[in-house]
Amino acid sequence: MSAATATVVALAAAAFLILATPSEAGPRNSSPAVAEFRQVNPCPATGKLTGACPGYVVAHAAPSCADDPSELQWQTVAQAKENGSWERQYCQFRRVRARG
């Protein structure tokens, strides 16, 4: 797989993660928060503060519905996919428990 193909796959996976997550799961990574995070945390793949970061996405260290949703970290696309599944289940559990 060429570098260009890998970049396209990584971007498509990141877009899928954003679009596939239910909006009621909790606050999303806001663009200003991600931009601020990227200004001080270089991409693990390239070491740069700007531009694409092939194979990585910025994601919450804890579920976005948890008490501290502002903590961001670099995760591989695979880690983000894996975490997204259990985070959605965790957030759904918290919503159901809060209702009743």
PDB file of N, CA and C in Angstrom:
ATOM      1  N   MET A   1       0.851  -1.171   0.000  1.00  0.00           N
ATOM      2  CA  MET A   1       0.000   0.000   0.000  1.00  0.00           C
ATOM      3  C   MET A   1       0.896   1.233   0.000  1.00  0.00           C
ATOM      4  N   SER A   2       0.649   2.145  -0.909  1.00  0.00           N
ATOM      5  CA  SER A   2       1.470   3.351  -0.998  1.00  0.00           C
ATOM      6  C   SER A   2       1.113   4.319   0.135  1.00  0.00           C
ATOM      7  N   ALA A   3       1.981   5.277   0.356  1.00  0.00           N
ATOM      8  CA  ALA A   3       1.749   6.268   1.409  1.00  0.00           C
ATOM      9  C   ALA A   3       0.487   7.071   1.128  1.00  0.00           C
ATOM     10  N   ALA A   4       0.254   7.407  -0.136  1.00  0.00           N
ATOM     11  CA  ALA A   4      -0.945   8.175  -0.495  1.00  0.00           C
ATOM     12  C   ALA A   4      -2.207   7.367  -0.220  1.00  0.00           C
ATOM     13  N   THR A   5      -2.171   6.079  -0.549  1.00  0.00           N
ATOM     14  CA  THR A   5      -3.325   5.219  -0.294  1.00  0.00           C
ATOM     15  C   THR A   5      -3.559   5.075   1.203  1.00  0.00           C
ATOM     16  N   ALA A   6      -2.490   4.915   1.964  1.00  0.00           N
ATOM     17  CA  ALA A   6      -2.614   4.794   3.417  1.00  0.00           C
ATOM     18  C   ALA A   6      -3.206   6.054   4.023  1.00  0.00           C
ATOM     19  N   THR A   7      -2.812   7.208   3.512  1.00  0.00           N
ATOM     20  CA  THR A   7      -3.347   8.476   4.010  1.00  0.00           C
ATOM     21  C   THR A   7      -4.837   8.572   3.714  1.00  0.00           C
ATOM     22  N   VAL A   8      -5.236   8.210   2.507  1.00  0.00           N
ATOM     23  CA  VAL A   8      -6.652   8.258   2.137  1.00  0.00           C
ATOM     24  C   VAL A   8      -7.455   7.300   3.021  1.00  0.00           C
ATOM     25  N   VAL A   9      -6.931   6.108   3.258  1.00  0.00           N
ATOM     26  CA  VAL A   9      -7.621   5.141   4.108  1.00  0.00           C
ATOM     27  C   VAL A   9      -7.751   5.682   5.531  1.00  0.00           C
ATOM     28  N   ALA A  10      -6.696   6.282   6.050  1.00  0.00           N
ATOM     29  CA  ALA A  10      -6.729   6.836   7.403  1.00  0.00           C
ATOM     30  C   ALA A  10      -7.744   7.961   7.505  1.00  0.00           C
ATOM     31  N   LEU A  11      -7.784   8.841   6.520  1.00  0.00           N
ATOM     32  CA  LEU A  11      -8.751   9.940   6.542  1.00  0.00           C
ATOM     33  C   LEU A  11     -10.182   9.418   6.417  1.00  0.00           C
ATOM     34  N   ALA A  12     -10.390   8.421   5.578  1.00  0.00           N
ATOM     35  CA  ALA A  12     -11.719   7.831   5.440  1.00  0.00           C
ATOM     36  C   ALA A  12     -12.156   7.174   6.753  1.00  0.00           C
ATOM     37  N   ALA A  13     -11.230   6.487   7.410  1.00  0.00           N
ATOM     38  CA  ALA A  13     -11.554   5.855   8.691  1.00  0.00           C
ATOM     39  C   ALA A  13     -11.888   6.905   9.750  1.00  0.00           C
ATOM     40  N   ALA A  14     -11.133   7.988   9.781  1.00  0.00           N
ATOM     41  CA  ALA A  14     -11.405   9.063  10.741  1.00  0.00           C
ATOM     42  C   ALA A  14     -12.774   9.675  10.473  1.00  0.00           C
ATOM     43  N   ALA A  15     -13.107   9.914   9.206  1.00  0.00           N
ATOM     44  CA  ALA A  15     -14.422  10.463   8.857  1.00  0.00           C
ATOM     45  C   ALA A  15     -15.521   9.496   9.260  1.00  0.00           C
ATOM     46  N   PHE A  16     -15.305   8.198   9.050  1.00  0.00           N
ATOM     47  CA  PHE A  16     -16.288   7.199   9.451  1.00  0.00           C
ATOM     48  C   PHE A  16     -16.516   7.238  10.951  1.00  0.00           C
ATOM     49  N   LEU A  17     -15.440   7.334  11.728  1.00  0.00           N
ATOM     50  CA  LEU A  17     -15.584   7.372  13.182  1.00  0.00           C
ATOM     51  C   LEU A  17     -16.396   8.568  13.634  1.00  0.00           C
ATOM     52  N   ILE A  18     -16.177   9.695  12.997  1.00  0.00           N
ATOM     53  CA  ILE A  18     -16.910  10.904  13.369  1.00  0.00           C
ATOM     54  C   ILE A  18     -18.383  10.762  12.999  1.00  0.00           C
ATOM     55  N   LEU A  19     -18.661  10.280  11.799  1.00  0.00           N
ATOM     56  CA  LEU A  19     -20.032  10.190  11.326  1.00  0.00           C
ATOM     57  C   LEU A  19     -20.800   9.021  11.931  1.00  0.00           C
ATOM     58  N   ALA A  20     -20.129   7.954  12.315  1.00  0.00           N
ATOM     59  CA  ALA A  20     -20.811   6.762  12.813  1.00  0.00           C
ATOM     60  C   ALA A  20     -21.151   6.847  14.297  1.00  0.00           C
ATOM     61  N   THR A  21     -20.595   7.800  15.010  1.00  0.00           N
ATOM     62  CA  THR A  21     -20.831   7.916  16.439  1.00  0.00           C
ATOM     63  C   THR A  21     -22.128   8.690  16.678  1.00  0.00           C
ATOM     64  N   PRO A  22     -23.026   8.157  17.502  1.00  0.00           N
ATOM     65  CA  PRO A  22     -24.278   8.870  17.761  1.00  0.00           C
ATOM     66  C   PRO A  22     -24.023  10.222  18.399  1.00  0.00           C
ATOM     67  N   SER A  23     -24.774  11.206  17.988  1.00  0.00           N
ATOM     68  CA  SER A  23     -24.558  12.566  18.496  1.00  0.00           C
ATOM     69  C   SER A  23     -24.884  12.683  19.973  1.00  0.00           C
ATOM     70  N   GLU A  24     -25.764  11.821  20.489  1.00  0.00           N
ATOM     71  CA  GLU A  24     -26.116  11.915  21.899  1.00  0.00           C
ATOM     72  C   GLU A  24     -25.099  11.249  22.818  1.00  0.00           C
ATOM     73  N   ALA A  25     -24.027  10.685  22.267  1.00  0.00           N
ATOM     74  CA  ALA A  25     -23.025  10.000  23.076  1.00  0.00           C
ATOM     75  C   ALA A  25     -22.259  10.956  23.980  1.00  0.00           C
ATOM     76  N   GLY A  26     -22.228  12.213  23.656  1.00  0.00           N
ATOM     77  CA  GLY A  26     -21.538  13.185  24.485  1.00  0.00           C
ATOM     78  C   GLY A  26     -20.870  14.219  23.614  1.00  0.00           C
ATOM     79  N   PRO A  27     -20.121  15.149  24.218  1.00  0.00           N
ATOM     80  CA  PRO A  27     -19.482  16.189  23.432  1.00  0.00           C
ATOM     81  C   PRO A  27     -18.454  15.622  22.474  1.00  0.00           C
ATOM     82  N   ARG A  28     -18.394  16.137  21.280  1.00  0.00           N
ATOM     83  CA  ARG A  28     -17.431  15.698  20.277  1.00  0.00           C
ATOM     84  C   ARG A  28     -16.150  16.511  20.422  1.00  0.00           C
ATOM     85  N   ASN A  29     -15.111  16.052  19.793  1.00  0.00           N
ATOM     86  CA  ASN A  29     -13.867  16.810  19.758  1.00  0.00           C
ATOM     87  C   ASN A  29     -14.130  18.065  18.939  1.00  0.00           C
ATOM     88  N   SER A  30     -14.159  19.202  19.585  1.00  0.00           N
ATOM     89  CA  SER A  30     -14.414  20.436  18.851  1.00  0.00           C
ATOM     90  C   SER A  30     -13.164  20.825  18.071  1.00  0.00           C
ATOM     91  N   SER A  31     -13.364  21.473  16.954  1.00  0.00           N
ATOM     92  CA  SER A  31     -12.225  21.889  16.133  1.00  0.00           C
ATOM     93  C   SER A  31     -11.245  22.773  16.898  1.00  0.00           C
ATOM     94  N   PRO A  32     -11.717  23.759  17.682  1.00  0.00           N
ATOM     95  CA  PRO A  32     -10.744  24.562  18.446  1.00  0.00           C
ATOM     96  C   PRO A  32      -9.955  23.739  19.456  1.00  0.00           C
ATOM     97  N   ALA A  33     -10.601  22.775  20.103  1.00  0.00           N
ATOM     98  CA  ALA A  33      -9.895  21.952  21.084  1.00  0.00           C
ATOM     99  C   ALA A  33      -8.845  21.079  20.395  1.00  0.00           C
ATOM    100  N   VAL A  34      -9.195  20.504  19.246  1.00  0.00           N
ATOM    101  CA  VAL A  34      -8.244  19.680  18.501  1.00  0.00           C
ATOM    102  C   VAL A  34      -7.098  20.538  17.988  1.00  0.00           C
ATOM    103  N   ALA A  35      -7.404  21.730  17.481  1.00  0.00           N
ATOM    104  CA  ALA A  35      -6.362  22.632  16.983  1.00  0.00           C
ATOM    105  C   ALA A  35      -5.399  23.016  18.104  1.00  0.00           C
ATOM    106  N   GLU A  36      -5.953  23.317  19.279  1.00  0.00           N
ATOM    107  CA  GLU A  36      -5.099  23.668  20.430  1.00  0.00           C
ATOM    108  C   GLU A  36      -4.227  22.479  20.837  1.00  0.00           C
ATOM    109  N   PHE A  37      -4.809  21.282  20.854  1.00  0.00           N
ATOM    110  CA  PHE A  37      -4.057  20.076  21.194  1.00  0.00           C
ATOM    111  C   PHE A  37      -2.915  19.865  20.211  1.00  0.00           C
ATOM    112  N   ARG A  38      -3.211  20.032  18.913  1.00  0.00           N
ATOM    113  CA  ARG A  38      -2.195  19.782  17.883  1.00  0.00           C
ATOM    114  C   ARG A  38      -1.085  20.828  17.905  1.00  0.00           C
ATOM    115  N   GLN A  39      -1.332  22.023  18.441  1.00  0.00           N
ATOM    116  CA  GLN A  39      -0.302  23.057  18.515  1.00  0.00           C
ATOM    117  C   GLN A  39       0.815  22.683  19.482  1.00  0.00           C
ATOM    118  N   VAL A  40       0.517  21.825  20.449  1.00  0.00           N
ATOM    119  CA  VAL A  40       1.524  21.465  21.453  1.00  0.00           C
ATOM    120  C   VAL A  40       1.873  19.982  21.457  1.00  0.00           C
ATOM    121  N   ASN A  41       1.173  19.185  20.649  1.00  0.00           N
ATOM    122  CA  ASN A  41       1.414  17.744  20.599  1.00  0.00           C
ATOM    123  C   ASN A  41       1.660  17.319  19.159  1.00  0.00           C
ATOM    124  N   PRO A  42       2.914  17.148  18.778  1.00  0.00           N
ATOM    125  CA  PRO A  42       3.208  16.790  17.384  1.00  0.00           C
ATOM    126  C   PRO A  42       2.655  15.411  17.018  1.00  0.00           C
ATOM    127  N   CYS A  43       2.399  15.235  15.738  1.00  0.00           N
ATOM    128  CA  CYS A  43       1.923  13.967  15.207  1.00  0.00           C
ATOM    129  C   CYS A  43       2.965  12.885  15.487  1.00  0.00           C
ATOM    130  N   PRO A  44       2.563  11.733  16.039  1.00  0.00           N
ATOM    131  CA  PRO A  44       3.528  10.657  16.300  1.00  0.00           C
ATOM    132  C   PRO A  44       4.168  10.096  15.027  1.00  0.00           C
ATOM    133  N   ALA A  45       3.461  10.167  13.909  1.00  0.00           N
ATOM    134  CA  ALA A  45       3.978   9.596  12.660  1.00  0.00           C
ATOM    135  C   ALA A  45       4.965  10.515  11.966  1.00  0.00           C
ATOM    136  N   THR A  46       4.713  11.834  12.026  1.00  0.00           N
ATOM    137  CA  THR A  46       5.552  12.773  11.275  1.00  0.00           C
ATOM    138  C   THR A  46       6.389  13.684  12.156  1.00  0.00           C
ATOM    139  N   GLY A  47       5.996  13.845  13.417  1.00  0.00           N
ATOM    140  CA  GLY A  47       6.697  14.755  14.306  1.00  0.00           C
ATOM    141  C   GLY A  47       6.359  16.216  14.058  1.00  0.00           C
ATOM    142  N   LYS A  48       5.371  16.469  13.193  1.00  0.00           N
ATOM    143  CA  LYS A  48       5.002  17.845  12.852  1.00  0.00           C
ATOM    144  C   LYS A  48       3.757  18.275  13.617  1.00  0.00           C
ATOM    145  N   LEU A  49       3.648  19.594  13.818  1.00  0.00           N
ATOM    146  CA  LEU A  49       2.495  20.157  14.511  1.00  0.00           C
ATOM    147  C   LEU A  49       1.344  20.472  13.561  1.00  0.00           C
ATOM    148  N   THR A  50       1.583  20.466  12.263  1.00  0.00           N
ATOM    149  CA  THR A  50       0.542  20.768  11.290  1.00  0.00           C
ATOM    150  C   THR A  50       0.529  19.707  10.202  1.00  0.00           C
ATOM    151  N   GLY A  51      -0.538  19.697   9.450  1.00  0.00           N
ATOM    152  CA  GLY A  51      -0.646  18.775   8.335  1.00  0.00           C
ATOM    153  C   GLY A  51      -1.246  17.434   8.739  1.00  0.00           C
ATOM    154  N   ALA A  52      -1.308  16.541   7.772  1.00  0.00           N
ATOM    155  CA  ALA A  52      -1.888  15.219   8.004  1.00  0.00           C
ATOM    156  C   ALA A  52      -1.040  14.413   8.982  1.00  0.00           C
ATOM    157  N   CYS A  53      -1.704  13.500   9.663  1.00  0.00           N
ATOM    158  CA  CYS A  53      -1.028  12.597  10.588  1.00  0.00           C
ATOM    159  C   CYS A  53      -1.457  11.179  10.231  1.00  0.00           C
ATOM    160  N   PRO A  54      -0.774  10.580   9.256  1.00  0.00           N
ATOM    161  CA  PRO A  54      -1.200   9.280   8.740  1.00  0.00           C
ATOM    162  C   PRO A  54      -1.250   8.192   9.808  1.00  0.00           C
ATOM    163  N   GLY A  55      -2.411   7.538   9.880  1.00  0.00           N
ATOM    164  CA  GLY A  55      -2.578   6.433  10.812  1.00  0.00           C
ATOM    165  C   GLY A  55      -2.987   6.830  12.212  1.00  0.00           C
ATOM    166  N   TYR A  56      -3.144   8.117  12.482  1.00  0.00           N
ATOM    167  CA  TYR A  56      -3.491   8.589  13.818  1.00  0.00           C
ATOM    168  C   TYR A  56      -4.653   9.573  13.767  1.00  0.00           C
ATOM    169  N   VAL A  57      -5.414   9.622  14.861  1.00  0.00           N
ATOM    170  CA  VAL A  57      -6.477  10.602  15.043  1.00  0.00           C
ATOM    171  C   VAL A  57      -6.373  11.156  16.456  1.00  0.00           C
ATOM    172  N   VAL A  58      -6.921  12.330  16.665  1.00  0.00           N
ATOM    173  CA  VAL A  58      -6.995  12.914  18.005  1.00  0.00           C
ATOM    174  C   VAL A  58      -8.298  12.414  18.621  1.00  0.00           C
ATOM    175  N   ALA A  59      -8.202  11.812  19.806  1.00  0.00           N
ATOM    176  CA  ALA A  59      -9.380  11.249  20.459  1.00  0.00           C
ATOM    177  C   ALA A  59      -9.307  11.505  21.967  1.00  0.00           C
ATOM    178  N   HIS A  60     -10.432  11.328  22.619  1.00  0.00           N
ATOM    179  CA  HIS A  60     -10.483  11.487  24.074  1.00  0.00           C
ATOM    180  C   HIS A  60      -9.748  10.341  24.757  1.00  0.00           C
ATOM    181  N   ALA A  61      -9.008  10.661  25.815  1.00  0.00           N
ATOM    182  CA  ALA A  61      -8.335   9.635  26.606  1.00  0.00           C
ATOM    183  C   ALA A  61      -9.359   8.864  27.427  1.00  0.00           C
ATOM    184  N   ALA A  62     -10.440   9.533  27.810  1.00  0.00           N
ATOM    185  CA  ALA A  62     -11.549   8.913  28.527  1.00  0.00           C
ATOM    186  C   ALA A  62     -12.794   9.076  27.653  1.00  0.00           C
ATOM    187  N   PRO A  63     -13.838   8.301  27.894  1.00  0.00           N
ATOM    188  CA  PRO A  63     -15.042   8.463  27.087  1.00  0.00           C
ATOM    189  C   PRO A  63     -15.519   9.912  27.097  1.00  0.00           C
ATOM    190  N   SER A  64     -16.000  10.363  25.957  1.00  0.00           N
ATOM    191  CA  SER A  64     -16.384  11.766  25.833  1.00  0.00           C
ATOM    192  C   SER A  64     -17.567  12.133  26.723  1.00  0.00           C
ATOM    193  N   CYS A  65     -18.321  11.155  27.204  1.00  0.00           N
ATOM    194  CA  CYS A  65     -19.438  11.448  28.099  1.00  0.00           C
ATOM    195  C   CYS A  65     -19.014  11.414  29.569  1.00  0.00           C
ATOM    196  N   ALA A  66     -17.754  11.090  29.840  1.00  0.00           N
ATOM    197  CA  ALA A  66     -17.261  11.042  31.218  1.00  0.00           C
ATOM    198  C   ALA A  66     -17.159  12.453  31.780  1.00  0.00           C
ATOM    199  N   ASP A  67     -16.781  12.548  33.029  1.00  0.00           N
ATOM    200  CA  ASP A  67     -16.770  13.840  33.707  1.00  0.00           C
ATOM    201  C   ASP A  67     -15.749  14.817  33.143  1.00  0.00           C
ATOM    202  N   ASP A  68     -14.651  14.348  32.565  1.00  0.00           N
ATOM    203  CA  ASP A  68     -13.620  15.235  32.022  1.00  0.00           C
ATOM    204  C   ASP A  68     -13.416  14.945  30.536  1.00  0.00           C
ATOM    205  N   PRO A  69     -14.291  15.485  29.675  1.00  0.00           N
ATOM    206  CA  PRO A  69     -14.189  15.186  28.247  1.00  0.00           C
ATOM    207  C   PRO A  69     -13.118  15.983  27.518  1.00  0.00           C
ATOM    208  N   SER A  70     -12.384  16.839  28.215  1.00  0.00           N
ATOM    209  CA  SER A  70     -11.428  17.711  27.533  1.00  0.00           C
ATOM    210  C   SER A  70     -10.057  17.070  27.314  1.00  0.00           C
ATOM    211  N   GLU A  71      -9.799  15.934  27.928  1.00  0.00           N
ATOM    212  CA  GLU A  71      -8.487  15.310  27.817  1.00  0.00           C
ATOM    213  C   GLU A  71      -8.354  14.587  26.472  1.00  0.00           C
ATOM    214  N   LEU A  72      -7.475  15.085  25.621  1.00  0.00           N
ATOM    215  CA  LEU A  72      -7.282  14.515  24.292  1.00  0.00           C
ATOM    216  C   LEU A  72      -5.943  13.805  24.204  1.00  0.00           C
ATOM    217  N   GLN A  73      -5.827  12.882  23.252  1.00  0.00           N
ATOM    218  CA  GLN A  73      -4.567  12.172  23.022  1.00  0.00           C
ATOM    219  C   GLN A  73      -4.542  11.682  21.582  1.00  0.00           C
ATOM    220  N   TRP A  74      -3.344  11.362  21.085  1.00  0.00           N
ATOM    221  CA  TRP A  74      -3.214  10.725  19.784  1.00  0.00           C
ATOM    222  C   TRP A  74      -3.539   9.249  19.957  1.00  0.00           C
ATOM    223  N   GLN A  75      -4.346   8.697  19.047  1.00  0.00           N
ATOM    224  CA  GLN A  75      -4.618   7.269  19.013  1.00  0.00           C
ATOM    225  C   GLN A  75      -4.473   6.793  17.584  1.00  0.00           C
ATOM    226  N   THR A  76      -4.035   5.549  17.419  1.00  0.00           N
ATOM    227  CA  THR A  76      -4.031   5.002  16.063  1.00  0.00           C
ATOM    228  C   THR A  76      -5.479   4.861  15.625  1.00  0.00           C
ATOM    229  N   VAL A  77      -5.685   4.784  14.325  1.00  0.00           N
ATOM    230  CA  VAL A  77      -7.037   4.624  13.806  1.00  0.00           C
ATOM    231  C   VAL A  77      -7.655   3.346  14.375  1.00  0.00           C
ATOM    232  N   ALA A  78      -6.871   2.269  14.471  1.00  0.00           N
ATOM    233  CA  ALA A  78      -7.381   1.001  15.020  1.00  0.00           C
ATOM    234  C   ALA A  78      -7.801   1.163  16.481  1.00  0.00           C
ATOM    235  N   GLN A  79      -6.997   1.867  17.281  1.00  0.00           N
ATOM    236  CA  GLN A  79      -7.345   2.101  18.686  1.00  0.00           C
ATOM    237  C   GLN A  79      -8.629   2.910  18.789  1.00  0.00           C
ATOM    238  N   ALA A  80      -8.754   3.935  17.959  1.00  0.00           N
ATOM    239  CA  ALA A  80      -9.942   4.783  17.997  1.00  0.00           C
ATOM    240  C   ALA A  80     -11.197   3.990  17.641  1.00  0.00           C
ATOM    241  N   LYS A  81     -11.088   3.101  16.650  1.00  0.00           N
ATOM    242  CA  LYS A  81     -12.238   2.260  16.295  1.00  0.00           C
ATOM    243  C   LYS A  81     -12.616   1.355  17.466  1.00  0.00           C
ATOM    244  N   GLU A  82     -11.619   0.726  18.077  1.00  0.00           N
ATOM    245  CA  GLU A  82     -11.871  -0.175  19.203  1.00  0.00           C
ATOM    246  C   GLU A  82     -12.472   0.586  20.378  1.00  0.00           C
ATOM    247  N   ASN A  83     -11.896   1.726  20.707  1.00  0.00           N
ATOM    248  CA  ASN A  83     -12.390   2.524  21.827  1.00  0.00           C
ATOM    249  C   ASN A  83     -13.771   3.085  21.551  1.00  0.00           C
ATOM    250  N   GLY A  84     -14.037   3.458  20.313  1.00  0.00           N
ATOM    251  CA  GLY A  84     -15.334   4.036  19.972  1.00  0.00           C
ATOM    252  C   GLY A  84     -16.480   3.098  20.288  1.00  0.00           C
ATOM    253  N   SER A  85     -16.275   1.806  20.087  1.00  0.00           N
ATOM    254  CA  SER A  85     -17.324   0.824  20.343  1.00  0.00           C
ATOM    255  C   SER A  85     -17.665   0.758  21.829  1.00  0.00           C
ATOM    256  N   TRP A  86     -16.661   0.571  22.679  1.00  0.00           N
ATOM    257  CA  TRP A  86     -16.976   0.458  24.100  1.00  0.00           C
ATOM    258  C   TRP A  86     -17.369   1.799  24.699  1.00  0.00           C
ATOM    259  N   GLU A  87     -16.847   2.910  24.150  1.00  0.00           N
ATOM    260  CA  GLU A  87     -17.254   4.223  24.649  1.00  0.00           C
ATOM    261  C   GLU A  87     -18.729   4.472  24.396  1.00  0.00           C
ATOM    262  N   ARG A  88     -19.223   4.095  23.208  1.00  0.00           N
ATOM    263  CA  ARG A  88     -20.652   4.262  22.919  1.00  0.00           C
ATOM    264  C   ARG A  88     -21.486   3.440  23.897  1.00  0.00           C
ATOM    265  N   GLN A  89     -21.051   2.199  24.184  1.00  0.00           N
ATOM    266  CA  GLN A  89     -21.780   1.357  25.133  1.00  0.00           C
ATOM    267  C   GLN A  89     -21.746   1.960  26.536  1.00  0.00           C
ATOM    268  N   TYR A  90     -20.587   2.458  26.938  1.00  0.00           N
ATOM    269  CA  TYR A  90     -20.436   3.072  28.265  1.00  0.00           C
ATOM    270  C   TYR A  90     -21.326   4.303  28.393  1.00  0.00           C
ATOM    271  N   CYS A  91     -21.323   5.170  27.385  1.00  0.00           N
ATOM    272  CA  CYS A  91     -22.125   6.392  27.426  1.00  0.00           C
ATOM    273  C   CYS A  91     -23.620   6.067  27.420  1.00  0.00           C
ATOM    274  N   GLN A  92     -24.004   5.047  26.652  1.00  0.00           N
ATOM    275  CA  GLN A  92     -25.399   4.629  26.637  1.00  0.00           C
ATOM    276  C   GLN A  92     -25.804   4.133  28.026  1.00  0.00           C
ATOM    277  N   PHE A  93     -24.946   3.347  28.659  1.00  0.00           N
ATOM    278  CA  PHE A  93     -25.212   2.850  30.012  1.00  0.00           C
ATOM    279  C   PHE A  93     -25.395   4.019  30.979  1.00  0.00           C
ATOM    280  N   ARG A  94     -24.521   5.028  30.883  1.00  0.00           N
ATOM    281  CA  ARG A  94     -24.622   6.196  31.786  1.00  0.00           C
ATOM    282  C   ARG A  94     -25.926   6.960  31.579  1.00  0.00           C
ATOM    283  N   ARG A  95     -26.349   7.102  30.294  1.00  0.00           N
ATOM    284  CA  ARG A  95     -27.604   7.816  30.011  1.00  0.00           C
ATOM    285  C   ARG A  95     -28.790   7.065  30.594  1.00  0.00           C
ATOM    286  N   VAL A  96     -28.823   5.746  30.408  1.00  0.00           N
ATOM    287  CA  VAL A  96     -29.933   4.939  30.923  1.00  0.00           C
ATOM    288  C   VAL A  96     -29.945   4.999  32.433  1.00  0.00           C
ATOM    289  N   ARG A  97     -28.797   4.883  33.048  1.00  0.00           N
ATOM    290  CA  ARG A  97     -28.718   4.914  34.516  1.00  0.00           C
ATOM    291  C   ARG A  97     -29.134   6.281  35.069  1.00  0.00           C
ATOM    292  N   ALA A  98     -28.780   7.363  34.354  1.00  0.00           N
ATOM    293  CA  ALA A  98     -29.137   8.708  34.820  1.00  0.00           C
ATOM    294  C   ALA A  98     -30.655   8.938  34.763  1.00  0.00           C
ATOM    295  N   ARG A  99     -31.304   8.290  33.812  1.00  0.00           N
ATOM    296  CA  ARG A  99     -32.768   8.450  33.674  1.00  0.00           C
ATOM    297  C   ARG A  99     -33.539   7.748  34.775  1.00  0.00           C
ATOM    298  N   GLY A 100     -32.939   6.709  35.294  1.00  0.00           N
ATOM    299  CA  GLY A 100     -33.823   6.005  36.127  1.00  0.00           C
ATOM    300  C   GLY A 100     -33.516   5.211  37.232  1.00  0.00           C
TER     301      GLY A 100
END
